[in-house]
Amino acid sequence: MADILFLAAFVYEDIVGKSVVDFGTGTGRLAIGAARLGARQITAIDIDPVAIEVALENAEMAMVDIDWIVGDLEAVDGAFDTVIMNPPFGTKQRHLDKVFLAKAIRTGGIVYSLHKSTTREHIMRFLMRHGCKVHAIHEYTLEIPMMFEHHRKRKHPVKVDCYRVETGGARSS
């Protein structure tokens, strides 16, 4: 996650002084990192109230101000300069990653999104159908720890792509 924030903040200049939204924030790592790196305004959303409670505690420790929302993606209204997200990969609920991506395209001018590398062809087609320009794809291997009941391994390496997408759409004022 630190690599993604570094790229967004210092290579592409999409964080410092910008409005940022983190979809599916979980414990808030991306949102808190964006705040620490100088985002002007940050909103973060997750459907899980327990995750948001943990995120609030983490933000207090990091001494950052973030607008937290408990709800589904449609609870976010408005335009943002940058969307950052590590969406569900759509393995448990098919195509959930595309639901996140579609909302991000409608919401932000620039989108950073992680997807399984095995879905690259599908994600690229989806983005092109929505009139987006993929500016860069950065490849990573995530070590997914056993966090959920449906996980069977203590750690599972997953090859992922981080997309930097220019939507041609929304920007905050």
N, C-alpha and C. Protein backbone atom coordinates (compact mmCIF):
# COMPACT_ATOMS: atom_id res chain seq x y z
N MET A 1 0.82 -1.20 0.00
CA MET A 1 0.00 0.00 0.00
C MET A 1 0.87 1.26 0.00
N ALA A 2 1.98 1.18 0.68
CA ALA A 2 2.89 2.33 0.72
C ALA A 2 3.39 2.67 -0.68
N ASP A 3 3.68 1.65 -1.49
CA ASP A 3 4.14 1.88 -2.86
C ASP A 3 3.08 2.63 -3.67
N ILE A 4 1.85 2.24 -3.52
CA ILE A 4 0.76 2.87 -4.27
C ILE A 4 0.62 4.33 -3.86
N LEU A 5 0.65 4.58 -2.57
CA LEU A 5 0.55 5.97 -2.10
C LEU A 5 1.74 6.80 -2.56
N PHE A 6 2.94 6.20 -2.54
CA PHE A 6 4.13 6.92 -3.03
C PHE A 6 3.95 7.31 -4.49
N LEU A 7 3.53 6.34 -5.32
CA LEU A 7 3.30 6.63 -6.73
C LEU A 7 2.27 7.74 -6.91
N ALA A 8 1.15 7.60 -6.21
CA ALA A 8 0.06 8.58 -6.35
C ALA A 8 0.49 9.97 -5.90
N ALA A 9 1.25 10.03 -4.81
CA ALA A 9 1.62 11.34 -4.27
C ALA A 9 2.79 11.98 -5.01
N PHE A 10 3.84 11.21 -5.25
CA PHE A 10 5.09 11.83 -5.70
C PHE A 10 5.43 11.60 -7.16
N VAL A 11 5.00 10.51 -7.74
CA VAL A 11 5.27 10.27 -9.16
C VAL A 11 4.22 10.96 -10.02
N TYR A 12 2.94 10.78 -9.64
CA TYR A 12 1.85 11.31 -10.48
C TYR A 12 1.19 12.57 -9.92
N GLU A 13 1.55 12.96 -8.69
CA GLU A 13 1.02 14.19 -8.07
C GLU A 13 -0.51 14.19 -7.98
N ASP A 14 -1.08 13.07 -7.54
CA ASP A 14 -2.53 12.92 -7.44
C ASP A 14 -3.05 12.94 -6.00
N ILE A 15 -2.19 13.25 -5.02
CA ILE A 15 -2.62 13.25 -3.62
C ILE A 15 -2.47 14.63 -2.97
N VAL A 16 -1.29 15.18 -3.02
CA VAL A 16 -0.99 16.43 -2.30
C VAL A 16 -1.90 17.55 -2.79
N GLY A 17 -2.66 18.14 -1.85
CA GLY A 17 -3.56 19.24 -2.17
C GLY A 17 -4.83 18.82 -2.90
N LYS A 18 -5.08 17.54 -3.03
CA LYS A 18 -6.23 17.03 -3.80
C LYS A 18 -7.33 16.53 -2.86
N SER A 19 -8.53 16.42 -3.39
CA SER A 19 -9.62 15.73 -2.69
C SER A 19 -9.53 14.25 -3.06
N VAL A 20 -9.58 13.41 -2.03
CA VAL A 20 -9.36 11.97 -2.21
C VAL A 20 -10.48 11.20 -1.55
N VAL A 21 -10.93 10.13 -2.19
CA VAL A 21 -11.90 9.22 -1.57
C VAL A 21 -11.33 7.81 -1.63
N ASP A 22 -11.52 7.07 -0.53
CA ASP A 22 -11.05 5.69 -0.42
C ASP A 22 -12.28 4.80 -0.32
N PHE A 23 -12.53 4.01 -1.37
CA PHE A 23 -13.66 3.08 -1.39
C PHE A 23 -13.26 1.76 -0.77
N GLY A 24 -14.10 1.25 0.14
CA GLY A 24 -13.82 -0.01 0.80
C GLY A 24 -12.60 0.13 1.69
N THR A 25 -12.58 1.18 2.48
CA THR A 25 -11.39 1.58 3.24
C THR A 25 -10.88 0.56 4.24
N GLY A 26 -11.77 -0.30 4.74
CA GLY A 26 -11.33 -1.27 5.76
C GLY A 26 -10.81 -0.52 6.98
N THR A 27 -9.58 -0.80 7.37
CA THR A 27 -9.00 -0.16 8.56
C THR A 27 -8.41 1.21 8.26
N GLY A 28 -8.57 1.69 7.04
CA GLY A 28 -8.23 3.07 6.71
C GLY A 28 -6.80 3.33 6.27
N ARG A 29 -6.05 2.30 5.97
CA ARG A 29 -4.62 2.52 5.65
C ARG A 29 -4.40 3.47 4.47
N LEU A 30 -5.14 3.30 3.39
CA LEU A 30 -4.94 4.18 2.24
C LEU A 30 -5.39 5.61 2.54
N ALA A 31 -6.53 5.75 3.18
CA ALA A 31 -7.04 7.09 3.52
C ALA A 31 -6.10 7.80 4.47
N ILE A 32 -5.64 7.11 5.50
CA ILE A 32 -4.72 7.71 6.47
C ILE A 32 -3.41 8.08 5.80
N GLY A 33 -2.91 7.20 4.95
CA GLY A 33 -1.69 7.51 4.22
C GLY A 33 -1.84 8.73 3.34
N ALA A 34 -2.98 8.85 2.65
CA ALA A 34 -3.24 10.02 1.80
C ALA A 34 -3.28 11.29 2.64
N ALA A 35 -3.89 11.20 3.82
CA ALA A 35 -3.94 12.36 4.72
C ALA A 35 -2.54 12.77 5.16
N ARG A 36 -1.75 11.79 5.54
CA ARG A 36 -0.37 12.07 6.00
C ARG A 36 0.49 12.65 4.87
N LEU A 37 0.16 12.31 3.64
CA LEU A 37 0.93 12.79 2.49
C LEU A 37 0.45 14.15 1.97
N GLY A 38 -0.62 14.69 2.58
CA GLY A 38 -1.01 16.05 2.23
C GLY A 38 -2.26 16.23 1.41
N ALA A 39 -3.14 15.22 1.37
CA ALA A 39 -4.42 15.42 0.67
C ALA A 39 -5.18 16.56 1.34
N ARG A 40 -5.85 17.35 0.55
CA ARG A 40 -6.60 18.51 1.06
C ARG A 40 -7.84 18.07 1.83
N GLN A 41 -8.53 17.06 1.31
CA GLN A 41 -9.77 16.57 1.91
C GLN A 41 -9.88 15.09 1.61
N ILE A 42 -10.24 14.30 2.63
CA ILE A 42 -10.33 12.85 2.45
C ILE A 42 -11.66 12.34 2.97
N THR A 43 -12.30 11.51 2.16
CA THR A 43 -13.50 10.78 2.56
C THR A 43 -13.17 9.30 2.41
N ALA A 44 -13.64 8.49 3.36
CA ALA A 44 -13.40 7.05 3.29
C ALA A 44 -14.68 6.32 3.65
N ILE A 45 -14.98 5.25 2.92
CA ILE A 45 -16.23 4.54 3.13
C ILE A 45 -15.99 3.03 3.19
N ASP A 46 -16.76 2.39 4.06
CA ASP A 46 -16.77 0.94 4.13
C ASP A 46 -18.14 0.51 4.65
N ILE A 47 -18.58 -0.64 4.22
CA ILE A 47 -19.88 -1.16 4.63
C ILE A 47 -19.83 -1.77 6.03
N ASP A 48 -18.62 -2.06 6.51
CA ASP A 48 -18.42 -2.74 7.79
C ASP A 48 -18.20 -1.73 8.92
N PRO A 49 -19.17 -1.60 9.85
CA PRO A 49 -19.01 -0.63 10.94
C PRO A 49 -17.83 -0.93 11.86
N VAL A 50 -17.50 -2.20 12.03
CA VAL A 50 -16.35 -2.56 12.89
C VAL A 50 -15.05 -2.07 12.23
N ALA A 51 -14.93 -2.24 10.92
CA ALA A 51 -13.74 -1.75 10.22
C ALA A 51 -13.61 -0.24 10.36
N ILE A 52 -14.72 0.47 10.27
CA ILE A 52 -14.68 1.93 10.40
C ILE A 52 -14.29 2.32 11.83
N GLU A 53 -14.76 1.59 12.82
CA GLU A 53 -14.33 1.86 14.21
C GLU A 53 -12.82 1.75 14.34
N VAL A 54 -12.25 0.69 13.77
CA VAL A 54 -10.80 0.50 13.80
C VAL A 54 -10.11 1.63 13.02
N ALA A 55 -10.67 2.00 11.88
CA ALA A 55 -10.10 3.08 11.07
C ALA A 55 -10.10 4.40 11.85
N LEU A 56 -11.17 4.67 12.58
CA LEU A 56 -11.24 5.89 13.41
C LEU A 56 -10.13 5.90 14.45
N GLU A 57 -9.92 4.78 15.10
CA GLU A 57 -8.85 4.67 16.10
C GLU A 57 -7.49 4.88 15.43
N ASN A 58 -7.30 4.26 14.27
CA ASN A 58 -6.03 4.42 13.56
C ASN A 58 -5.81 5.88 13.15
N ALA A 59 -6.87 6.56 12.71
CA ALA A 59 -6.76 7.97 12.32
C ALA A 59 -6.43 8.85 13.52
N GLU A 60 -7.02 8.54 14.66
CA GLU A 60 -6.70 9.31 15.88
C GLU A 60 -5.22 9.17 16.21
N MET A 61 -4.71 7.94 16.16
CA MET A 61 -3.28 7.72 16.44
C MET A 61 -2.39 8.44 15.43
N ALA A 62 -2.83 8.50 14.18
CA ALA A 62 -2.05 9.17 13.14
C ALA A 62 -2.28 10.67 13.13
N MET A 63 -3.23 11.13 13.93
CA MET A 63 -3.58 12.55 14.05
C MET A 63 -3.96 13.17 12.70
N VAL A 64 -4.91 12.51 12.02
CA VAL A 64 -5.40 13.01 10.73
C VAL A 64 -6.91 13.14 10.77
N ASP A 65 -7.42 14.02 9.93
CA ASP A 65 -8.85 14.29 9.86
C ASP A 65 -9.40 13.71 8.56
N ILE A 66 -10.33 12.77 8.72
CA ILE A 66 -10.93 12.09 7.57
C ILE A 66 -12.43 12.01 7.79
N ASP A 67 -13.21 12.20 6.74
CA ASP A 67 -14.65 12.01 6.81
C ASP A 67 -14.95 10.54 6.58
N TRP A 68 -15.42 9.85 7.63
CA TRP A 68 -15.69 8.41 7.56
C TRP A 68 -17.17 8.19 7.30
N ILE A 69 -17.47 7.23 6.44
CA ILE A 69 -18.86 6.88 6.14
C ILE A 69 -19.01 5.37 6.30
N VAL A 70 -20.04 4.98 7.05
CA VAL A 70 -20.43 3.56 7.10
C VAL A 70 -21.59 3.42 6.13
N GLY A 71 -21.41 2.63 5.09
CA GLY A 71 -22.47 2.44 4.11
C GLY A 71 -21.92 1.84 2.83
N ASP A 72 -22.82 1.65 1.87
CA ASP A 72 -22.36 1.13 0.58
C ASP A 72 -21.87 2.30 -0.27
N LEU A 73 -21.30 1.99 -1.40
CA LEU A 73 -20.66 3.00 -2.23
C LEU A 73 -21.58 4.14 -2.64
N GLU A 74 -22.85 3.87 -2.79
CA GLU A 74 -23.79 4.91 -3.23
C GLU A 74 -23.99 5.99 -2.18
N ALA A 75 -23.50 5.77 -0.97
CA ALA A 75 -23.57 6.80 0.07
C ALA A 75 -22.60 7.94 -0.20
N VAL A 76 -21.64 7.73 -1.09
CA VAL A 76 -20.70 8.78 -1.46
C VAL A 76 -21.30 9.58 -2.60
N ASP A 77 -21.38 10.88 -2.40
CA ASP A 77 -21.94 11.77 -3.40
C ASP A 77 -20.91 12.86 -3.69
N GLY A 78 -20.84 13.30 -4.90
CA GLY A 78 -19.92 14.38 -5.24
C GLY A 78 -18.77 13.90 -6.10
N ALA A 79 -17.90 14.85 -6.38
CA ALA A 79 -16.75 14.59 -7.25
C ALA A 79 -15.47 14.73 -6.45
N PHE A 80 -14.48 13.91 -6.81
CA PHE A 80 -13.19 13.93 -6.15
C PHE A 80 -12.10 13.95 -7.21
N ASP A 81 -10.96 14.52 -6.85
CA ASP A 81 -9.82 14.49 -7.76
C ASP A 81 -9.32 13.07 -7.95
N THR A 82 -9.21 12.32 -6.83
CA THR A 82 -8.56 11.02 -6.86
C THR A 82 -9.36 10.00 -6.06
N VAL A 83 -9.54 8.82 -6.63
CA VAL A 83 -10.13 7.67 -5.93
C VAL A 83 -9.00 6.67 -5.72
N ILE A 84 -8.86 6.19 -4.48
CA ILE A 84 -7.91 5.12 -4.19
C ILE A 84 -8.71 3.96 -3.60
N MET A 85 -8.38 2.75 -4.03
CA MET A 85 -9.16 1.62 -3.50
C MET A 85 -8.45 0.30 -3.73
N ASN A 86 -8.72 -0.58 -2.80
CA ASN A 86 -8.32 -1.98 -2.89
C ASN A 86 -9.64 -2.75 -2.79
N PRO A 87 -10.38 -2.82 -3.89
CA PRO A 87 -11.72 -3.40 -3.83
C PRO A 87 -11.69 -4.91 -3.61
N PRO A 88 -12.81 -5.46 -3.17
CA PRO A 88 -12.90 -6.93 -3.15
C PRO A 88 -12.60 -7.44 -4.56
N PHE A 89 -11.91 -8.56 -4.66
CA PHE A 89 -11.48 -9.05 -5.97
C PHE A 89 -12.60 -9.74 -6.75
N GLY A 90 -13.77 -9.87 -6.17
CA GLY A 90 -14.87 -10.48 -6.90
C GLY A 90 -14.81 -11.99 -6.92
N THR A 91 -14.05 -12.57 -5.99
CA THR A 91 -13.98 -14.03 -5.96
C THR A 91 -15.11 -14.61 -5.11
N LYS A 92 -15.50 -13.92 -4.06
CA LYS A 92 -16.61 -14.40 -3.22
C LYS A 92 -17.96 -13.92 -3.79
N GLN A 93 -18.01 -12.66 -4.19
CA GLN A 93 -19.21 -12.11 -4.84
C GLN A 93 -18.78 -11.67 -6.24
N ARG A 94 -19.15 -12.44 -7.22
CA ARG A 94 -18.70 -12.27 -8.60
C ARG A 94 -18.87 -10.83 -9.11
N HIS A 95 -17.80 -10.30 -9.67
CA HIS A 95 -17.76 -8.98 -10.32
C HIS A 95 -17.94 -7.80 -9.35
N LEU A 96 -17.79 -8.03 -8.06
CA LEU A 96 -17.91 -6.92 -7.11
C LEU A 96 -16.83 -5.87 -7.37
N ASP A 97 -15.67 -6.30 -7.84
CA ASP A 97 -14.61 -5.34 -8.15
C ASP A 97 -15.06 -4.36 -9.24
N LYS A 98 -15.87 -4.82 -10.18
CA LYS A 98 -16.35 -3.95 -11.25
C LYS A 98 -17.40 -2.96 -10.75
N VAL A 99 -18.15 -3.34 -9.72
CA VAL A 99 -19.10 -2.40 -9.09
C VAL A 99 -18.31 -1.23 -8.49
N PHE A 100 -17.23 -1.57 -7.79
CA PHE A 100 -16.37 -0.53 -7.21
C PHE A 100 -15.77 0.33 -8.31
N LEU A 101 -15.27 -0.31 -9.36
CA LEU A 101 -14.63 0.42 -10.45
C LEU A 101 -15.60 1.34 -11.16
N ALA A 102 -16.82 0.90 -11.39
CA ALA A 102 -17.83 1.73 -12.06
C ALA A 102 -18.14 2.98 -11.22
N LYS A 103 -18.28 2.80 -9.91
CA LYS A 103 -18.53 3.95 -9.03
C LYS A 103 -17.33 4.89 -9.02
N ALA A 104 -16.12 4.34 -9.01
CA ALA A 104 -14.92 5.17 -9.02
C ALA A 104 -14.84 6.01 -10.29
N ILE A 105 -15.19 5.42 -11.42
CA ILE A 105 -15.17 6.13 -12.69
C ILE A 105 -16.14 7.31 -12.67
N ARG A 106 -17.30 7.13 -12.05
CA ARG A 106 -18.30 8.20 -11.96
C ARG A 106 -17.90 9.26 -10.94
N THR A 107 -17.00 8.94 -10.02
CA THR A 107 -16.72 9.80 -8.88
C THR A 107 -15.42 10.58 -8.99
N GLY A 108 -14.40 10.01 -9.63
CA GLY A 108 -13.08 10.64 -9.62
C GLY A 108 -12.50 10.89 -10.98
N GLY A 109 -11.59 11.85 -11.03
CA GLY A 109 -10.87 12.13 -12.26
C GLY A 109 -9.74 11.15 -12.50
N ILE A 110 -9.11 10.72 -11.40
CA ILE A 110 -8.04 9.72 -11.44
C ILE A 110 -8.42 8.61 -10.49
N VAL A 111 -8.19 7.37 -10.89
CA VAL A 111 -8.52 6.21 -10.05
C VAL A 111 -7.28 5.33 -9.92
N TYR A 112 -6.98 4.95 -8.68
CA TYR A 112 -5.98 3.91 -8.40
C TYR A 112 -6.75 2.72 -7.86
N SER A 113 -6.62 1.57 -8.52
CA SER A 113 -7.41 0.41 -8.14
C SER A 113 -6.60 -0.87 -8.31
N LEU A 114 -6.69 -1.76 -7.32
CA LEU A 114 -6.00 -3.04 -7.36
C LEU A 114 -6.94 -4.14 -7.83
N HIS A 115 -6.44 -4.98 -8.75
CA HIS A 115 -7.22 -6.11 -9.26
C HIS A 115 -6.28 -7.28 -9.49
N LYS A 116 -6.82 -8.50 -9.36
CA LYS A 116 -6.01 -9.68 -9.62
C LYS A 116 -5.44 -9.61 -11.04
N SER A 117 -4.17 -9.94 -11.17
CA SER A 117 -3.51 -9.89 -12.48
C SER A 117 -4.19 -10.80 -13.50
N THR A 118 -4.78 -11.88 -13.03
CA THR A 118 -5.45 -12.81 -13.95
C THR A 118 -6.68 -12.20 -14.61
N THR A 119 -7.15 -11.07 -14.09
CA THR A 119 -8.34 -10.42 -14.67
C THR A 119 -7.97 -9.23 -15.56
N ARG A 120 -6.70 -9.05 -15.87
CA ARG A 120 -6.24 -7.86 -16.60
C ARG A 120 -7.02 -7.64 -17.90
N GLU A 121 -7.19 -8.67 -18.69
CA GLU A 121 -7.90 -8.51 -19.97
C GLU A 121 -9.32 -8.00 -19.76
N HIS A 122 -10.01 -8.56 -18.78
CA HIS A 122 -11.40 -8.15 -18.49
C HIS A 122 -11.45 -6.71 -17.96
N ILE A 123 -10.54 -6.38 -17.06
CA ILE A 123 -10.52 -5.02 -16.50
C ILE A 123 -10.20 -4.00 -17.58
N MET A 124 -9.26 -4.31 -18.44
CA MET A 124 -8.91 -3.39 -19.53
C MET A 124 -10.11 -3.16 -20.46
N ARG A 125 -10.82 -4.22 -20.80
CA ARG A 125 -12.02 -4.07 -21.65
C ARG A 125 -13.08 -3.23 -20.95
N PHE A 126 -13.28 -3.49 -19.67
CA PHE A 126 -14.26 -2.74 -18.88
C PHE A 126 -13.92 -1.25 -18.89
N LEU A 127 -12.67 -0.93 -18.64
CA LEU A 127 -12.24 0.48 -18.59
C LEU A 127 -12.37 1.15 -19.95
N MET A 128 -12.00 0.45 -21.01
CA MET A 128 -12.13 1.02 -22.36
C MET A 128 -13.59 1.26 -22.72
N ARG A 129 -14.48 0.31 -22.34
CA ARG A 129 -15.92 0.49 -22.60
C ARG A 129 -16.46 1.73 -21.89
N HIS A 130 -15.83 2.10 -20.78
CA HIS A 130 -16.28 3.27 -20.02
C HIS A 130 -15.51 4.54 -20.39
N GLY A 131 -14.76 4.49 -21.48
CA GLY A 131 -14.08 5.67 -21.98
C GLY A 131 -12.89 6.12 -21.16
N CYS A 132 -12.30 5.22 -20.42
CA CYS A 132 -11.16 5.55 -19.56
C CYS A 132 -9.84 5.30 -20.27
N LYS A 133 -8.82 6.00 -19.81
CA LYS A 133 -7.46 5.78 -20.32
C LYS A 133 -6.63 5.20 -19.19
N VAL A 134 -6.07 4.02 -19.41
CA VAL A 134 -5.17 3.42 -18.43
C VAL A 134 -3.80 4.03 -18.65
N HIS A 135 -3.37 4.82 -17.69
CA HIS A 135 -2.10 5.52 -17.80
C HIS A 135 -0.93 4.61 -17.42
N ALA A 136 -1.15 3.73 -16.42
CA ALA A 136 -0.08 2.83 -15.98
C ALA A 136 -0.67 1.63 -15.27
N ILE A 137 0.06 0.52 -15.33
CA ILE A 137 -0.26 -0.68 -14.56
C ILE A 137 1.01 -1.07 -13.83
N HIS A 138 0.93 -1.10 -12.52
CA HIS A 138 2.06 -1.50 -11.68
C HIS A 138 1.75 -2.87 -11.09
N GLU A 139 2.69 -3.80 -11.22
CA GLU A 139 2.47 -5.18 -10.77
C GLU A 139 3.05 -5.40 -9.37
N TYR A 140 2.28 -6.11 -8.53
CA TYR A 140 2.69 -6.43 -7.16
C TYR A 140 2.28 -7.86 -6.83
N THR A 141 2.84 -8.38 -5.76
CA THR A 141 2.36 -9.62 -5.16
C THR A 141 1.93 -9.29 -3.75
N LEU A 142 0.65 -9.50 -3.46
CA LEU A 142 0.13 -9.28 -2.10
C LEU A 142 0.11 -10.60 -1.35
N GLU A 143 0.52 -10.57 -0.11
CA GLU A 143 0.40 -11.72 0.77
C GLU A 143 -0.92 -11.54 1.53
N ILE A 144 -1.93 -12.29 1.16
CA ILE A 144 -3.24 -12.17 1.79
C ILE A 144 -3.25 -13.08 3.02
N PRO A 145 -3.38 -12.49 4.23
CA PRO A 145 -3.42 -13.33 5.43
C PRO A 145 -4.80 -13.97 5.60
N MET A 146 -4.88 -14.99 6.42
CA MET A 146 -6.15 -15.64 6.71
C MET A 146 -6.96 -14.67 7.58
N MET A 147 -7.94 -14.01 6.96
CA MET A 147 -8.73 -13.00 7.67
C MET A 147 -10.21 -13.34 7.74
N PHE A 148 -10.69 -14.11 6.81
CA PHE A 148 -12.11 -14.39 6.73
C PHE A 148 -12.36 -15.89 6.83
N GLU A 149 -13.58 -16.25 7.17
CA GLU A 149 -13.95 -17.65 7.34
C GLU A 149 -13.71 -18.48 6.09
N HIS A 150 -13.91 -17.86 4.91
CA HIS A 150 -13.73 -18.61 3.67
C HIS A 150 -12.27 -18.79 3.27
N HIS A 151 -11.33 -18.12 3.96
CA HIS A 151 -9.91 -18.32 3.69
C HIS A 151 -9.44 -19.66 4.26
N ARG A 152 -8.64 -20.37 3.50
CA ARG A 152 -8.20 -21.72 3.89
C ARG A 152 -6.70 -21.79 4.20
N LYS A 153 -5.92 -20.83 3.74
CA LYS A 153 -4.48 -20.84 3.96
C LYS A 153 -4.07 -19.71 4.90
N ARG A 154 -2.98 -19.95 5.67
CA ARG A 154 -2.49 -18.93 6.61
C ARG A 154 -2.11 -17.66 5.85
N LYS A 155 -1.43 -17.82 4.74
CA LYS A 155 -1.07 -16.71 3.85
C LYS A 155 -1.19 -17.22 2.42
N HIS A 156 -1.66 -16.33 1.56
CA HIS A 156 -1.82 -16.72 0.17
C HIS A 156 -1.28 -15.60 -0.73
N PRO A 157 -0.23 -15.87 -1.52
CA PRO A 157 0.28 -14.82 -2.42
C PRO A 157 -0.65 -14.65 -3.62
N VAL A 158 -0.96 -13.40 -3.92
CA VAL A 158 -1.82 -13.09 -5.06
C VAL A 158 -1.14 -12.02 -5.90
N LYS A 159 -0.98 -12.30 -7.18
CA LYS A 159 -0.42 -11.31 -8.09
C LYS A 159 -1.53 -10.32 -8.44
N VAL A 160 -1.21 -9.03 -8.26
CA VAL A 160 -2.20 -7.98 -8.51
C VAL A 160 -1.61 -6.89 -9.39
N ASP A 161 -2.52 -6.19 -10.05
CA ASP A 161 -2.17 -5.02 -10.85
C ASP A 161 -2.77 -3.80 -10.18
N CYS A 162 -1.98 -2.76 -10.05
CA CYS A 162 -2.51 -1.47 -9.60
C CYS A 162 -2.63 -0.60 -10.84
N TYR A 163 -3.85 -0.24 -11.16
CA TYR A 163 -4.15 0.59 -12.32
C TYR A 163 -4.18 2.06 -11.92
N ARG A 164 -3.57 2.89 -12.73
CA ARG A 164 -3.79 4.34 -12.63
C ARG A 164 -4.62 4.70 -13.86
N VAL A 165 -5.83 5.13 -13.60
CA VAL A 165 -6.82 5.33 -14.66
C VAL A 165 -7.22 6.80 -14.72
N GLU A 166 -7.20 7.35 -15.91
CA GLU A 166 -7.72 8.69 -16.14
C GLU A 166 -9.13 8.52 -16.67
N THR A 167 -10.12 9.01 -15.90
CA THR A 167 -11.51 8.77 -16.28
C THR A 167 -12.04 9.82 -17.24
N GLY A 168 -11.40 10.98 -17.26
CA GLY A 168 -11.93 12.07 -18.07
C GLY A 168 -13.17 12.67 -17.45
N GLY A 169 -13.46 12.26 -16.20
CA GLY A 169 -14.68 12.69 -15.54
C GLY A 169 -14.47 13.61 -14.38
N ALA A 170 -15.16 13.30 -13.32
CA ALA A 170 -15.32 14.16 -12.15
C ALA A 170 -14.01 14.64 -11.57
N ARG A 171 -14.01 15.88 -11.17
CA ARG A 171 -12.94 16.51 -10.39
C ARG A 171 -13.62 17.44 -9.41
N SER A 172 -13.06 17.55 -8.23
CA SER A 172 -13.67 18.47 -7.24
C SER A 172 -13.34 19.90 -7.61
N SER A 173 -14.12 20.79 -7.05
CA SER A 173 -13.85 22.21 -7.35
C SER A 173 -13.06 22.87 -6.26
